[in-house]
PDB file of N, CA and C in Angstrom:
ATOM      1  N   MET A   1     -40.329  12.704  63.908  1.00  0.00           N
ATOM      2  CA  MET A   1     -40.375  11.377  63.065  1.00  0.00           C
ATOM      3  C   MET A   1     -39.901  10.507  64.676  1.00  0.00           C
ATOM      4  N   GLU A   2     -40.321   9.119  64.045  1.00  0.00           N
ATOM      5  CA  GLU A   2     -39.965   7.602  64.609  1.00  0.00           C
ATOM      6  C   GLU A   2     -38.617   6.730  63.850  1.00  0.00           C
ATOM      7  N   THR A   3     -38.105   6.403  64.916  1.00  0.00           N
ATOM      8  CA  THR A   3     -37.314   5.237  64.131  1.00  0.00           C
ATOM      9  C   THR A   3     -37.308   3.933  64.214  1.00  0.00           C
ATOM     10  N   ILE A   4     -37.801   2.844  63.287  1.00  0.00           N
ATOM     11  CA  ILE A   4     -38.050   1.808  63.521  1.00  0.00           C
ATOM     12  C   ILE A   4     -36.676   0.991  63.362  1.00  0.00           C
ATOM     13  N   VAL A   5     -36.614  -0.211  64.110  1.00  0.00           N
ATOM     14  CA  VAL A   5     -35.465  -0.921  64.201  1.00  0.00           C
ATOM     15  C   VAL A   5     -35.667  -2.635  63.714  1.00  0.00           C
ATOM     16  N   LEU A   6     -35.084  -2.803  62.671  1.00  0.00           N
ATOM     17  CA  LEU A   6     -35.348  -4.268  62.278  1.00  0.00           C
ATOM     18  C   LEU A   6     -33.847  -5.268  62.011  1.00  0.00           C
ATOM     19  N   GLN A   7     -33.930  -6.578  62.596  1.00  0.00           N
ATOM     20  CA  GLN A   7     -33.192  -7.309  62.308  1.00  0.00           C
ATOM     21  C   GLN A   7     -33.551  -7.719  61.089  1.00  0.00           C
ATOM     22  N   VAL A   8     -32.337  -8.040  60.065  1.00  0.00           N
ATOM     23  CA  VAL A   8     -32.624  -8.746  58.728  1.00  0.00           C
ATOM     24  C   VAL A   8     -31.646  -9.548  58.846  1.00  0.00           C
ATOM     25  N   THR A   9     -32.248 -10.806  58.111  1.00  0.00           N
ATOM     26  CA  THR A   9     -30.765 -12.073  57.760  1.00  0.00           C
ATOM     27  C   THR A   9     -30.815 -11.982  56.314  1.00  0.00           C
ATOM     28  N   GLY A  10     -29.789 -12.025  55.635  1.00  0.00           N
ATOM     29  CA  GLY A  10     -29.469 -12.747  54.354  1.00  0.00           C
ATOM     30  C   GLY A  10     -28.561 -11.414  53.334  1.00  0.00           C
ATOM     31  N   MET A  11     -28.630 -10.465  54.381  1.00  0.00           N
ATOM     32  CA  MET A  11     -27.602  -9.458  53.562  1.00  0.00           C
ATOM     33  C   MET A  11     -26.346  -9.818  53.868  1.00  0.00           C
ATOM     34  N   ALA A  12     -25.789 -10.356  52.427  1.00  0.00           N
ATOM     35  CA  ALA A  12     -23.881 -10.650  52.148  1.00  0.00           C
ATOM     36  C   ALA A  12     -23.151  -9.375  51.983  1.00  0.00           C
ATOM     37  N   CYS A  13     -23.671  -8.534  51.560  1.00  0.00           N
ATOM     38  CA  CYS A  13     -22.554  -6.912  50.989  1.00  0.00           C
ATOM     39  C   CYS A  13     -23.331  -5.939  50.886  1.00  0.00           C
ATOM     40  N   GLY A  14     -22.552  -5.069  50.261  1.00  0.00           N
ATOM     41  CA  GLY A  14     -23.067  -3.276  50.676  1.00  0.00           C
ATOM     42  C   GLY A  14     -24.365  -3.753  49.589  1.00  0.00           C
ATOM     43  N   GLY A  15     -24.057  -3.886  48.670  1.00  0.00           N
ATOM     44  CA  GLY A  15     -25.194  -3.941  47.425  1.00  0.00           C
ATOM     45  C   GLY A  15     -26.851  -4.918  48.180  1.00  0.00           C
ATOM     46  N   CYS A  16     -26.510  -5.296  48.798  1.00  0.00           N
ATOM     47  CA  CYS A  16     -28.223  -6.024  49.356  1.00  0.00           C
ATOM     48  C   CYS A  16     -28.467  -4.824  50.730  1.00  0.00           C
ATOM     49  N   ALA A  17     -27.952  -4.185  51.117  1.00  0.00           N
ATOM     50  CA  ALA A  17     -27.950  -2.622  51.982  1.00  0.00           C
ATOM     51  C   ALA A  17     -28.494  -1.842  50.851  1.00  0.00           C
ATOM     52  N   GLU A  18     -27.644  -1.972  50.111  1.00  0.00           N
ATOM     53  CA  GLU A  18     -28.349  -0.740  48.962  1.00  0.00           C
ATOM     54  C   GLU A  18     -30.091  -1.048  48.437  1.00  0.00           C
ATOM     55  N   ARG A  19     -29.830  -2.356  48.185  1.00  0.00           N
ATOM     56  CA  ARG A  19     -31.143  -2.693  47.708  1.00  0.00           C
ATOM     57  C   ARG A  19     -32.556  -2.889  48.760  1.00  0.00           C
ATOM     58  N   ILE A  20     -31.738  -3.146  49.724  1.00  0.00           N
ATOM     59  CA  ILE A  20     -33.390  -3.082  51.083  1.00  0.00           C
ATOM     60  C   ILE A  20     -33.296  -1.083  51.142  1.00  0.00           C
ATOM     61  N   ASP A  21     -32.373  -0.359  51.183  1.00  0.00           N
ATOM     62  CA  ASP A  21     -32.578   1.101  51.172  1.00  0.00           C
ATOM     63  C   ASP A  21     -33.516   1.789  50.090  1.00  0.00           C
ATOM     64  N   ALA A  22     -33.034   1.084  48.953  1.00  0.00           N
ATOM     65  CA  ALA A  22     -33.725   1.794  47.669  1.00  0.00           C
ATOM     66  C   ALA A  22     -35.150   0.991  47.657  1.00  0.00           C
ATOM     67  N   VAL A  23     -35.555  -0.301  48.526  1.00  0.00           N
ATOM     68  CA  VAL A  23     -37.052  -0.587  48.513  1.00  0.00           C
ATOM     69  C   VAL A  23     -37.961   0.063  49.367  1.00  0.00           C
ATOM     70  N   LEU A  24     -37.176   0.221  50.493  1.00  0.00           N
ATOM     71  CA  LEU A  24     -37.909   1.009  51.467  1.00  0.00           C
ATOM     72  C   LEU A  24     -38.209   2.160  51.309  1.00  0.00           C
ATOM     73  N   ARG A  25     -37.355   2.810  50.729  1.00  0.00           N
ATOM     74  CA  ARG A  25     -37.364   4.636  50.145  1.00  0.00           C
ATOM     75  C   ARG A  25     -38.758   4.640  49.565  1.00  0.00           C
ATOM     76  N   ARG A  26     -39.310   3.831  48.553  1.00  0.00           N
ATOM     77  CA  ARG A  26     -40.307   3.665  48.088  1.00  0.00           C
ATOM     78  C   ARG A  26     -41.713   3.613  48.833  1.00  0.00           C
ATOM     79  N   VAL A  27     -41.821   3.540  49.662  1.00  0.00           N
ATOM     80  CA  VAL A  27     -42.789   3.110  51.082  1.00  0.00           C
ATOM     81  C   VAL A  27     -43.216   4.887  51.536  1.00  0.00           C
ATOM     82  N   GLU A  28     -44.222   5.104  51.146  1.00  0.00           N
ATOM     83  CA  GLU A  28     -44.921   6.245  51.764  1.00  0.00           C
ATOM     84  C   GLU A  28     -44.669   6.777  53.043  1.00  0.00           C
ATOM     85  N   GLY A  29     -43.857   7.822  53.449  1.00  0.00           N
ATOM     86  CA  GLY A  29     -43.841   8.085  54.886  1.00  0.00           C
ATOM     87  C   GLY A  29     -42.560   7.920  54.912  1.00  0.00           C
ATOM     88  N   VAL A  30     -41.451   6.820  54.760  1.00  0.00           N
ATOM     89  CA  VAL A  30     -40.526   6.605  55.196  1.00  0.00           C
ATOM     90  C   VAL A  30     -39.020   7.828  54.506  1.00  0.00           C
ATOM     91  N   ARG A  31     -38.686   8.495  55.455  1.00  0.00           N
ATOM     92  CA  ARG A  31     -38.080   9.676  55.310  1.00  0.00           C
ATOM     93  C   ARG A  31     -36.420   9.006  55.185  1.00  0.00           C
ATOM     94  N   GLU A  32     -35.883   8.104  55.978  1.00  0.00           N
ATOM     95  CA  GLU A  32     -34.408   7.752  55.820  1.00  0.00           C
ATOM     96  C   GLU A  32     -34.401   6.231  55.922  1.00  0.00           C
ATOM     97  N   VAL A  33     -33.348   5.564  55.855  1.00  0.00           N
ATOM     98  CA  VAL A  33     -33.433   4.296  55.588  1.00  0.00           C
ATOM     99  C   VAL A  33     -31.477   4.272  55.777  1.00  0.00           C
ATOM    100  N   ALA A  34     -31.069   3.136  57.077  1.00  0.00           N
ATOM    101  CA  ALA A  34     -29.751   3.122  57.614  1.00  0.00           C
ATOM    102  C   ALA A  34     -29.433   1.515  57.259  1.00  0.00           C
ATOM    103  N   ALA A  35     -29.210   0.874  55.976  1.00  0.00           N
ATOM    104  CA  ALA A  35     -28.793  -0.479  56.511  1.00  0.00           C
ATOM    105  C   ALA A  35     -27.324  -1.081  56.496  1.00  0.00           C
ATOM    106  N   ASP A  36     -26.962  -1.657  57.306  1.00  0.00           N
ATOM    107  CA  ASP A  36     -25.894  -2.247  57.448  1.00  0.00           C
ATOM    108  C   ASP A  36     -25.953  -4.175  57.121  1.00  0.00           C
ATOM    109  N   HIS A  37     -25.063  -3.973  56.604  1.00  0.00           N
ATOM    110  CA  HIS A  37     -25.074  -5.798  56.080  1.00  0.00           C
ATOM    111  C   HIS A  37     -24.129  -6.268  56.954  1.00  0.00           C
ATOM    112  N   THR A  38     -23.520  -6.004  57.588  1.00  0.00           N
ATOM    113  CA  THR A  38     -22.202  -6.594  58.637  1.00  0.00           C
ATOM    114  C   THR A  38     -23.195  -7.075  59.820  1.00  0.00           C
ATOM    115  N   THR A  39     -23.950  -5.939  60.298  1.00  0.00           N
ATOM    116  CA  THR A  39     -24.806  -6.380  61.684  1.00  0.00           C
ATOM    117  C   THR A  39     -26.207  -7.060  61.123  1.00  0.00           C
ATOM    118  N   GLY A  40     -26.725  -6.696  59.985  1.00  0.00           N
ATOM    119  CA  GLY A  40     -28.365  -6.998  59.680  1.00  0.00           C
ATOM    120  C   GLY A  40     -28.804  -6.262  60.423  1.00  0.00           C
ATOM    121  N   ARG A  41     -28.709  -5.076  61.037  1.00  0.00           N
ATOM    122  CA  ARG A  41     -29.499  -3.921  61.271  1.00  0.00           C
ATOM    123  C   ARG A  41     -30.150  -3.440  59.998  1.00  0.00           C
ATOM    124  N   VAL A  42     -31.341  -2.845  59.917  1.00  0.00           N
ATOM    125  CA  VAL A  42     -32.121  -1.636  59.246  1.00  0.00           C
ATOM    126  C   VAL A  42     -32.746  -0.631  60.373  1.00  0.00           C
ATOM    127  N   GLU A  43     -32.418   0.468  59.897  1.00  0.00           N
ATOM    128  CA  GLU A  43     -33.110   1.663  60.929  1.00  0.00           C
ATOM    129  C   GLU A  43     -34.023   2.676  60.068  1.00  0.00           C
ATOM    130  N   VAL A  44     -35.101   2.459  59.936  1.00  0.00           N
ATOM    131  CA  VAL A  44     -35.616   3.370  59.515  1.00  0.00           C
ATOM    132  C   VAL A  44     -36.701   4.648  59.834  1.00  0.00           C
ATOM    133  N   ARG A  45     -36.552   5.515  59.753  1.00  0.00           N
ATOM    134  CA  ARG A  45     -37.097   6.751  59.770  1.00  0.00           C
ATOM    135  C   ARG A  45     -38.244   6.917  59.131  1.00  0.00           C
ATOM    136  N   VAL A  46     -39.180   6.999  59.721  1.00  0.00           N
ATOM    137  CA  VAL A  46     -40.826   7.600  59.183  1.00  0.00           C
ATOM    138  C   VAL A  46     -40.986   8.487  59.702  1.00  0.00           C
ATOM    139  N   GLY A  47     -42.290   9.456  58.746  1.00  0.00           N
ATOM    140  CA  GLY A  47     -42.697  10.515  59.218  1.00  0.00           C
ATOM    141  C   GLY A  47     -44.354  10.038  60.145  1.00  0.00           C
ATOM    142  N   SER A  48     -45.008  10.915  60.081  1.00  0.00           N
ATOM    143  CA  SER A  48     -46.259  10.696  61.155  1.00  0.00           C
ATOM    144  C   SER A  48     -47.374   9.898  59.800  1.00  0.00           C
ATOM    145  N   ALA A  49     -47.210   9.937  58.783  1.00  0.00           N
ATOM    146  CA  ALA A  49     -48.310   9.352  57.660  1.00  0.00           C
ATOM    147  C   ALA A  49     -47.199   8.104  57.120  1.00  0.00           C
ATOM    148  N   TRP A  50     -47.367   6.730  57.698  1.00  0.00           N
ATOM    149  CA  TRP A  50     -46.316   5.544  57.158  1.00  0.00           C
ATOM    150  C   TRP A  50     -47.486   4.757  57.164  1.00  0.00           C
ATOM    151  N   PRO A  51     -47.180   3.962  56.736  1.00  0.00           N
ATOM    152  CA  PRO A  51     -48.198   2.404  56.520  1.00  0.00           C
ATOM    153  C   PRO A  51     -48.179   1.485  57.484  1.00  0.00           C
ATOM    154  N   GLY A  52     -47.310   1.363  58.519  1.00  0.00           N
ATOM    155  CA  GLY A  52     -46.913   0.374  59.723  1.00  0.00           C
ATOM    156  C   GLY A  52     -45.611  -0.336  59.131  1.00  0.00           C
ATOM    157  N   ARG A  53     -45.292  -0.643  60.899  1.00  0.00           N
ATOM    158  CA  ARG A  53     -44.149  -2.088  60.357  1.00  0.00           C
ATOM    159  C   ARG A  53     -44.151  -3.093  59.333  1.00  0.00           C
ATOM    160  N   GLN A  54     -45.383  -3.557  59.665  1.00  0.00           N
ATOM    161  CA  GLN A  54     -45.676  -4.764  58.346  1.00  0.00           C
ATOM    162  C   GLN A  54     -45.865  -4.768  56.968  1.00  0.00           C
ATOM    163  N   VAL A  55     -45.764  -3.011  56.756  1.00  0.00           N
ATOM    164  CA  VAL A  55     -45.433  -3.215  55.319  1.00  0.00           C
ATOM    165  C   VAL A  55     -44.285  -2.727  54.999  1.00  0.00           C
ATOM    166  N   LEU A  56     -43.331  -2.585  56.033  1.00  0.00           N
ATOM    167  CA  LEU A  56     -41.924  -2.693  55.744  1.00  0.00           C
ATOM    168  C   LEU A  56     -41.189  -3.947  55.832  1.00  0.00           C
ATOM    169  N   VAL A  57     -41.793  -4.724  56.714  1.00  0.00           N
ATOM    170  CA  VAL A  57     -41.261  -6.006  56.523  1.00  0.00           C
ATOM    171  C   VAL A  57     -41.560  -6.691  55.029  1.00  0.00           C
ATOM    172  N   GLU A  58     -43.049  -6.480  54.697  1.00  0.00           N
ATOM    173  CA  GLU A  58     -43.337  -7.071  53.543  1.00  0.00           C
ATOM    174  C   GLU A  58     -42.495  -6.825  52.521  1.00  0.00           C
ATOM    175  N   ARG A  59     -42.324  -5.442  52.396  1.00  0.00           N
ATOM    176  CA  ARG A  59     -41.180  -5.168  51.098  1.00  0.00           C
ATOM    177  C   ARG A  59     -39.793  -5.434  51.188  1.00  0.00           C
ATOM    178  N   ILE A  60     -39.309  -5.935  52.807  1.00  0.00           N
ATOM    179  CA  ILE A  60     -38.059  -6.578  52.844  1.00  0.00           C
ATOM    180  C   ILE A  60     -37.743  -7.840  52.440  1.00  0.00           C
ATOM    181  N   THR A  61     -39.015  -9.074  52.856  1.00  0.00           N
ATOM    182  CA  THR A  61     -39.099 -10.177  52.711  1.00  0.00           C
ATOM    183  C   THR A  61     -39.408  -9.973  50.980  1.00  0.00           C
ATOM    184  N   GLY A  62     -40.419  -9.288  50.076  1.00  0.00           N
ATOM    185  CA  GLY A  62     -40.771  -9.127  49.173  1.00  0.00           C
ATOM    186  C   GLY A  62     -38.888  -8.688  48.030  1.00  0.00           C
ATOM    187  N   ALA A  63     -38.448  -8.630  48.644  1.00  0.00           N
ATOM    188  CA  ALA A  63     -36.710  -8.360  47.899  1.00  0.00           C
ATOM    189  C   ALA A  63     -35.967  -9.534  48.156  1.00  0.00           C
ATOM    190  N   GLY A  64     -36.508 -11.024  49.013  1.00  0.00           N
ATOM    191  CA  GLY A  64     -35.562 -11.812  49.218  1.00  0.00           C
ATOM    192  C   GLY A  64     -34.924 -12.106  50.391  1.00  0.00           C
ATOM    193  N   TYR A  65     -35.173 -11.417  51.325  1.00  0.00           N
ATOM    194  CA  TYR A  65     -34.515 -11.274  53.060  1.00  0.00           C
ATOM    195  C   TYR A  65     -35.414 -11.512  53.656  1.00  0.00           C
ATOM    196  N   ASP A  66     -34.825 -12.002  54.885  1.00  0.00           N
ATOM    197  CA  ASP A  66     -35.764 -12.233  56.083  1.00  0.00           C
ATOM    198  C   ASP A  66     -35.802 -11.343  57.467  1.00  0.00           C
ATOM    199  N   VAL A  67     -36.907 -11.235  57.899  1.00  0.00           N
ATOM    200  CA  VAL A  67     -36.979 -10.319  59.207  1.00  0.00           C
ATOM    201  C   VAL A  67     -37.324 -10.852  60.006  1.00  0.00           C
ATOM    202  N   ILE A  68     -36.335 -10.941  61.388  1.00  0.00           N
ATOM    203  CA  ILE A  68     -36.324 -11.677  62.797  1.00  0.00           C
ATOM    204  C   ILE A  68     -37.069 -11.146  63.395  1.00  0.00           C
ATOM    205  N   GLU A  69     -38.454 -11.388  63.573  1.00  0.00           N
ATOM    206  CA  GLU A  69     -39.333 -10.877  64.176  1.00  0.00           C
ATOM    207  C   GLU A  69     -39.078 -10.921  65.866  1.00  0.00           C
ATOM    208  N   GLY A  70     -39.310 -10.064  66.763  1.00  0.00           N
ATOM    209  CA  GLY A  70     -39.352  -9.938  68.209  1.00  0.00           C
ATOM    210  C   GLY A  70     -37.582  -9.734  68.347  1.00  0.00           C
ATOM    211  N   ALA A  71     -36.812  -9.695  67.477  1.00  0.00           N
ATOM    212  CA  ALA A  71     -35.305  -9.702  67.988  1.00  0.00           C
ATOM    213  C   ALA A  71     -35.067  -8.301  68.100  1.00  0.00           C
ATOM    214  N   SER A  72     -34.188  -7.976  69.179  1.00  0.00           N
ATOM    215  CA  SER A  72     -33.556  -6.936  69.286  1.00  0.00           C
ATOM    216  C   SER A  72     -32.663  -6.395  68.706  1.00  0.00           C
ATOM    217  N   ALA A  73     -32.784  -5.588  67.771  1.00  0.00           N
ATOM    218  CA  ALA A  73     -31.783  -5.359  66.966  1.00  0.00           C
ATOM    219  C   ALA A  73     -30.679  -4.422  67.213  1.00  0.00           C
TER     220      ALA A  73
END
């Protein structure tokens, strides 16, 4: 498994983190999601068959949050 780390802005509470968790768990190949609203850090563990980082970013932005590209999370 591989771990993808994303820095996300706009998460204001635990409910926001839960929403991101739910959105990303519906992506094929995603095994685990850990979103932390206090740090803005989202860790996604993926298996070998997943559609790529861009799909994760699209799902997060589609849920109303922003991903900081190039940020070291």
